Amino acid sequence: MSLQSDIQSLVASVEGLELYDTAVVNEGEETIYRVSVISNTFEDGKRKGVSLDACVELTHLISPLLDVTPPVSGEYRLEVGSPGIERKLTTLDHFKKSIGENISLVFGEKEKLKATLHKVEGKSLTFLKDGEESVIAFDDVRKAKTYFEW
């Protein structure tokens, strides 16, 4: 099994969580291995938040795995947390996990859309805005992120 699938299994072992993404990022001179998780439970039609206790528990589960199978060579810091309410969407899986949320995207040449993601079928993304549906091919998306209206 790969490191990604091992981490996915560990995340699934914590009740109410699923893996959103993993990434290696450099901030200043520090290398960070970031594991982002989201809740797989909903309340009032919205995805629940991820508790700090769940992130700490997951850190304790993942850390020994990374001692045996390091994600990068050299020194790094493990960071486990939520990707946040406003996050980039880069994979089809990210879109699937964001159904019902507000999305801001750039697609095609330089077309822009802010709408609610209604469904994902195959590689087609369906958005709703003012009662009108827009279907956009995932491959046409140049940039996308969730956004929150205050």
C-alpha atoms as a PDB file:
ATOM      1  CA  MET A   1       0.000   0.000   0.000  1.00  0.00           C
ATOM      2  CA  SER A   2       1.080   3.579  -0.578  1.00  0.00           C
ATOM      3  CA  LEU A   3       1.632   6.195   2.112  1.00  0.00           C
ATOM      4  CA  GLN A   4      -1.483   8.024   0.890  1.00  0.00           C
ATOM      5  CA  SER A   5      -3.690   4.943   1.268  1.00  0.00           C
ATOM      6  CA  ASP A   6      -2.160   4.143   4.679  1.00  0.00           C
ATOM      7  CA  ILE A   7      -2.980   7.673   5.851  1.00  0.00           C
ATOM      8  CA  GLN A   8      -6.466   7.393   4.367  1.00  0.00           C
ATOM      9  CA  SER A   9      -7.022   4.199   6.413  1.00  0.00           C
ATOM     10  CA  LEU A  10      -5.828   5.891   9.602  1.00  0.00           C
ATOM     11  CA  VAL A  11      -8.092   8.888   8.995  1.00  0.00           C
ATOM     12  CA  ALA A  12     -11.056   6.565   8.380  1.00  0.00           C
ATOM     13  CA  SER A  13     -10.361   4.899  11.743  1.00  0.00           C
ATOM     14  CA  VAL A  14     -11.238   8.156  13.518  1.00  0.00           C
ATOM     15  CA  GLU A  15     -15.015   8.368  13.708  1.00  0.00           C
ATOM     16  CA  GLY A  16     -16.529  11.125  11.600  1.00  0.00           C
ATOM     17  CA  LEU A  17     -13.447  11.999   9.528  1.00  0.00           C
ATOM     18  CA  GLU A  18     -12.275  11.494   5.964  1.00  0.00           C
ATOM     19  CA  LEU A  19      -9.088  12.486   4.190  1.00  0.00           C
ATOM     20  CA  TYR A  20      -9.358  15.625   2.061  1.00  0.00           C
ATOM     21  CA  ASP A  21      -5.761  16.018   0.888  1.00  0.00           C
ATOM     22  CA  THR A  22      -2.081  15.673   1.717  1.00  0.00           C
ATOM     23  CA  ALA A  23       0.594  18.107   0.618  1.00  0.00           C
ATOM     24  CA  VAL A  24       4.218  18.974   1.160  1.00  0.00           C
ATOM     25  CA  VAL A  25       4.611  22.733   1.536  1.00  0.00           C
ATOM     26  CA  ASN A  26       7.562  24.960   2.248  1.00  0.00           C
ATOM     27  CA  GLU A  27       7.049  27.973   4.479  1.00  0.00           C
ATOM     28  CA  GLY A  28      10.211  29.954   4.894  1.00  0.00           C
ATOM     29  CA  GLU A  29      12.930  27.414   5.535  1.00  0.00           C
ATOM     30  CA  GLU A  30      10.551  24.879   7.057  1.00  0.00           C
ATOM     31  CA  THR A  31       9.096  21.859   5.246  1.00  0.00           C
ATOM     32  CA  ILE A  32       5.596  20.858   6.351  1.00  0.00           C
ATOM     33  CA  TYR A  33       3.756  17.636   5.574  1.00  0.00           C
ATOM     34  CA  ARG A  34       0.136  18.757   5.728  1.00  0.00           C
ATOM     35  CA  VAL A  35      -2.700  16.281   6.181  1.00  0.00           C
ATOM     36  CA  SER A  36      -6.109  17.909   5.669  1.00  0.00           C
ATOM     37  CA  VAL A  37      -9.241  16.161   6.913  1.00  0.00           C
ATOM     38  CA  ILE A  38     -12.942  16.948   6.768  1.00  0.00           C
ATOM     39  CA  SER A  39     -15.945  15.675   8.650  1.00  0.00           C
ATOM     40  CA  ASN A  40     -18.057  13.073   6.906  1.00  0.00           C
ATOM     41  CA  THR A  41     -21.142  14.003   8.922  1.00  0.00           C
ATOM     42  CA  PHE A  42     -23.627  16.760   8.194  1.00  0.00           C
ATOM     43  CA  GLU A  43     -25.829  18.917  10.386  1.00  0.00           C
ATOM     44  CA  ASP A  44     -28.618  21.094   8.958  1.00  0.00           C
ATOM     45  CA  GLY A  45     -27.363  20.341   5.449  1.00  0.00           C
ATOM     46  CA  LYS A  46     -23.833  21.577   6.207  1.00  0.00           C
ATOM     47  CA  ARG A  47     -20.678  19.568   6.779  1.00  0.00           C
ATOM     48  CA  LYS A  48     -19.711  19.588  10.465  1.00  0.00           C
ATOM     49  CA  GLY A  49     -16.392  21.025  11.551  1.00  0.00           C
ATOM     50  CA  VAL A  50     -13.315  19.074  12.634  1.00  0.00           C
ATOM     51  CA  SER A  51     -12.452  19.267  16.322  1.00  0.00           C
ATOM     52  CA  LEU A  52      -8.994  20.000  17.667  1.00  0.00           C
ATOM     53  CA  ASP A  53      -9.194  16.755  19.680  1.00  0.00           C
ATOM     54  CA  ALA A  54      -9.743  14.770  16.467  1.00  0.00           C
ATOM     55  CA  CYS A  55      -6.699  16.446  14.866  1.00  0.00           C
ATOM     56  CA  VAL A  56      -4.553  15.638  17.906  1.00  0.00           C
ATOM     57  CA  GLU A  57      -5.754  12.009  17.888  1.00  0.00           C
ATOM     58  CA  LEU A  58      -4.967  11.730  14.191  1.00  0.00           C
ATOM     59  CA  THR A  59      -1.518  13.268  14.678  1.00  0.00           C
ATOM     60  CA  HIS A  60      -0.741  10.552  17.245  1.00  0.00           C
ATOM     61  CA  LEU A  61      -1.896   7.874  14.773  1.00  0.00           C
ATOM     62  CA  ILE A  62      -0.029   9.217  11.731  1.00  0.00           C
ATOM     63  CA  SER A  63       3.248  10.178  13.386  1.00  0.00           C
ATOM     64  CA  PRO A  64       4.546   6.588  13.960  1.00  0.00           C
ATOM     65  CA  LEU A  65       3.697   5.707  10.343  1.00  0.00           C
ATOM     66  CA  LEU A  66       5.783   8.641   9.117  1.00  0.00           C
ATOM     67  CA  ASP A  67       8.675   7.541  11.351  1.00  0.00           C
ATOM     68  CA  VAL A  68       8.774   4.333   9.290  1.00  0.00           C
ATOM     69  CA  THR A  69       7.767   5.821   5.919  1.00  0.00           C
ATOM     70  CA  PRO A  70       8.816   9.496   5.807  1.00  0.00           C
ATOM     71  CA  PRO A  71       6.922  11.593   3.236  1.00  0.00           C
ATOM     72  CA  VAL A  72      10.039  13.615   2.326  1.00  0.00           C
ATOM     73  CA  SER A  73      13.761  13.333   2.807  1.00  0.00           C
ATOM     74  CA  GLY A  74      15.213  15.553   5.481  1.00  0.00           C
ATOM     75  CA  GLU A  75      13.479  17.328   8.325  1.00  0.00           C
ATOM     76  CA  TYR A  76       9.792  18.196   8.181  1.00  0.00           C
ATOM     77  CA  ARG A  77       6.914  18.965  10.513  1.00  0.00           C
ATOM     78  CA  LEU A  78       3.597  17.085  10.487  1.00  0.00           C
ATOM     79  CA  GLU A  79       0.523  19.296  10.485  1.00  0.00           C
ATOM     80  CA  VAL A  80      -2.966  17.783  10.735  1.00  0.00           C
ATOM     81  CA  GLY A  81      -5.999  20.015  10.368  1.00  0.00           C
ATOM     82  CA  SER A  82      -9.028  21.077   8.404  1.00  0.00           C
ATOM     83  CA  PRO A  83      -8.534  22.618   4.952  1.00  0.00           C
ATOM     84  CA  GLY A  84     -10.750  25.483   6.120  1.00  0.00           C
ATOM     85  CA  ILE A  85     -14.052  26.932   5.036  1.00  0.00           C
ATOM     86  CA  GLU A  86     -12.445  28.614   2.013  1.00  0.00           C
ATOM     87  CA  ARG A  87     -10.168  26.160   0.254  1.00  0.00           C
ATOM     88  CA  LYS A  88      -8.779  25.436  -3.194  1.00  0.00           C
ATOM     89  CA  LEU A  89     -10.410  22.720  -5.265  1.00  0.00           C
ATOM     90  CA  THR A  90      -7.882  20.983  -7.494  1.00  0.00           C
ATOM     91  CA  THR A  91      -9.204  17.446  -7.962  1.00  0.00           C
ATOM     92  CA  LEU A  92     -12.502  15.934  -9.009  1.00  0.00           C
ATOM     93  CA  ASP A  93     -12.662  14.364  -5.540  1.00  0.00           C
ATOM     94  CA  HIS A  94     -12.404  17.845  -3.961  1.00  0.00           C
ATOM     95  CA  PHE A  95     -15.459  18.893  -5.983  1.00  0.00           C
ATOM     96  CA  LYS A  96     -17.371  15.758  -4.934  1.00  0.00           C
ATOM     97  CA  LYS A  97     -16.664  16.597  -1.293  1.00  0.00           C
ATOM     98  CA  SER A  98     -17.883  20.176  -1.819  1.00  0.00           C
ATOM     99  CA  ILE A  99     -21.400  19.531  -3.157  1.00  0.00           C
ATOM    100  CA  GLY A 100     -23.822  22.054  -1.669  1.00  0.00           C
ATOM    101  CA  GLU A 101     -21.111  24.655  -1.074  1.00  0.00           C
ATOM    102  CA  ASN A 102     -20.522  28.016  -2.734  1.00  0.00           C
ATOM    103  CA  ILE A 103     -17.805  27.818  -5.375  1.00  0.00           C
ATOM    104  CA  SER A 104     -15.917  30.556  -7.187  1.00  0.00           C
ATOM    105  CA  LEU A 105     -14.261  29.374 -10.373  1.00  0.00           C
ATOM    106  CA  VAL A 106     -12.455  30.473 -13.500  1.00  0.00           C
ATOM    107  CA  PHE A 107     -12.992  28.275 -16.546  1.00  0.00           C
ATOM    108  CA  GLY A 108     -12.614  28.299 -20.306  1.00  0.00           C
ATOM    109  CA  GLU A 109     -10.707  31.330 -21.562  1.00  0.00           C
ATOM    110  CA  LYS A 110     -11.332  33.691 -18.644  1.00  0.00           C
ATOM    111  CA  GLU A 111     -14.965  33.087 -17.764  1.00  0.00           C
ATOM    112  CA  LYS A 112     -15.911  33.381 -14.095  1.00  0.00           C
ATOM    113  CA  LEU A 113     -18.755  31.926 -12.074  1.00  0.00           C
ATOM    114  CA  LYS A 114     -19.833  32.125  -8.446  1.00  0.00           C
ATOM    115  CA  ALA A 115     -22.528  29.561  -7.692  1.00  0.00           C
ATOM    116  CA  THR A 116     -23.524  26.608  -5.543  1.00  0.00           C
ATOM    117  CA  LEU A 117     -22.150  23.249  -6.602  1.00  0.00           C
ATOM    118  CA  HIS A 118     -25.237  21.078  -7.118  1.00  0.00           C
ATOM    119  CA  LYS A 119     -23.824  17.770  -8.377  1.00  0.00           C
ATOM    120  CA  VAL A 120     -20.857  16.006  -9.932  1.00  0.00           C
ATOM    121  CA  GLU A 121     -21.537  13.350 -12.570  1.00  0.00           C
ATOM    122  CA  GLY A 122     -18.541  11.807 -14.266  1.00  0.00           C
ATOM    123  CA  LYS A 123     -16.404  14.823 -15.174  1.00  0.00           C
ATOM    124  CA  SER A 124     -19.374  17.238 -15.372  1.00  0.00           C
ATOM    125  CA  LEU A 125     -19.914  19.811 -12.631  1.00  0.00           C
ATOM    126  CA  THR A 126     -23.431  21.227 -12.257  1.00  0.00           C
ATOM    127  CA  PHE A 127     -23.846  24.596 -10.553  1.00  0.00           C
ATOM    128  CA  LEU A 128     -26.978  26.468  -9.469  1.00  0.00           C
ATOM    129  CA  LYS A 129     -27.233  30.242  -9.481  1.00  0.00           C
ATOM    130  CA  ASP A 130     -30.517  32.130  -9.188  1.00  0.00           C
ATOM    131  CA  GLY A 131     -32.425  28.941 -10.058  1.00  0.00           C
ATOM    132  CA  GLU A 132     -30.456  28.399 -13.290  1.00  0.00           C
ATOM    133  CA  GLU A 133     -28.207  25.401 -13.913  1.00  0.00           C
ATOM    134  CA  SER A 134     -24.757  25.673 -15.466  1.00  0.00           C
ATOM    135  CA  VAL A 135     -22.816  22.556 -16.435  1.00  0.00           C
ATOM    136  CA  ILE A 136     -19.049  22.884 -16.758  1.00  0.00           C
ATOM    137  CA  ALA A 137     -16.562  20.176 -17.660  1.00  0.00           C
ATOM    138  CA  PHE A 138     -14.009  19.547 -14.917  1.00  0.00           C
ATOM    139  CA  ASP A 139     -11.231  19.689 -17.537  1.00  0.00           C
ATOM    140  CA  ASP A 140     -12.263  23.285 -18.412  1.00  0.00           C
ATOM    141  CA  VAL A 141     -11.783  24.523 -14.827  1.00  0.00           C
ATOM    142  CA  ARG A 142      -8.634  26.596 -14.496  1.00  0.00           C
ATOM    143  CA  LYS A 143      -9.019  27.682 -10.872  1.00  0.00           C
ATOM    144  CA  ALA A 144     -11.627  26.986  -8.200  1.00  0.00           C
ATOM    145  CA  LYS A 145     -12.192  27.502  -4.504  1.00  0.00           C
ATOM    146  CA  THR A 146     -14.989  27.403  -1.995  1.00  0.00           C
ATOM    147  CA  TYR A 147     -16.108  30.711  -0.531  1.00  0.00           C
ATOM    148  CA  PHE A 148     -18.181  31.761   2.424  1.00  0.00           C
ATOM    149  CA  GLU A 149     -20.696  34.609   2.360  1.00  0.00           C
ATOM    150  CA  TRP A 150     -20.756  36.453   5.667  1.00  0.00           C
END
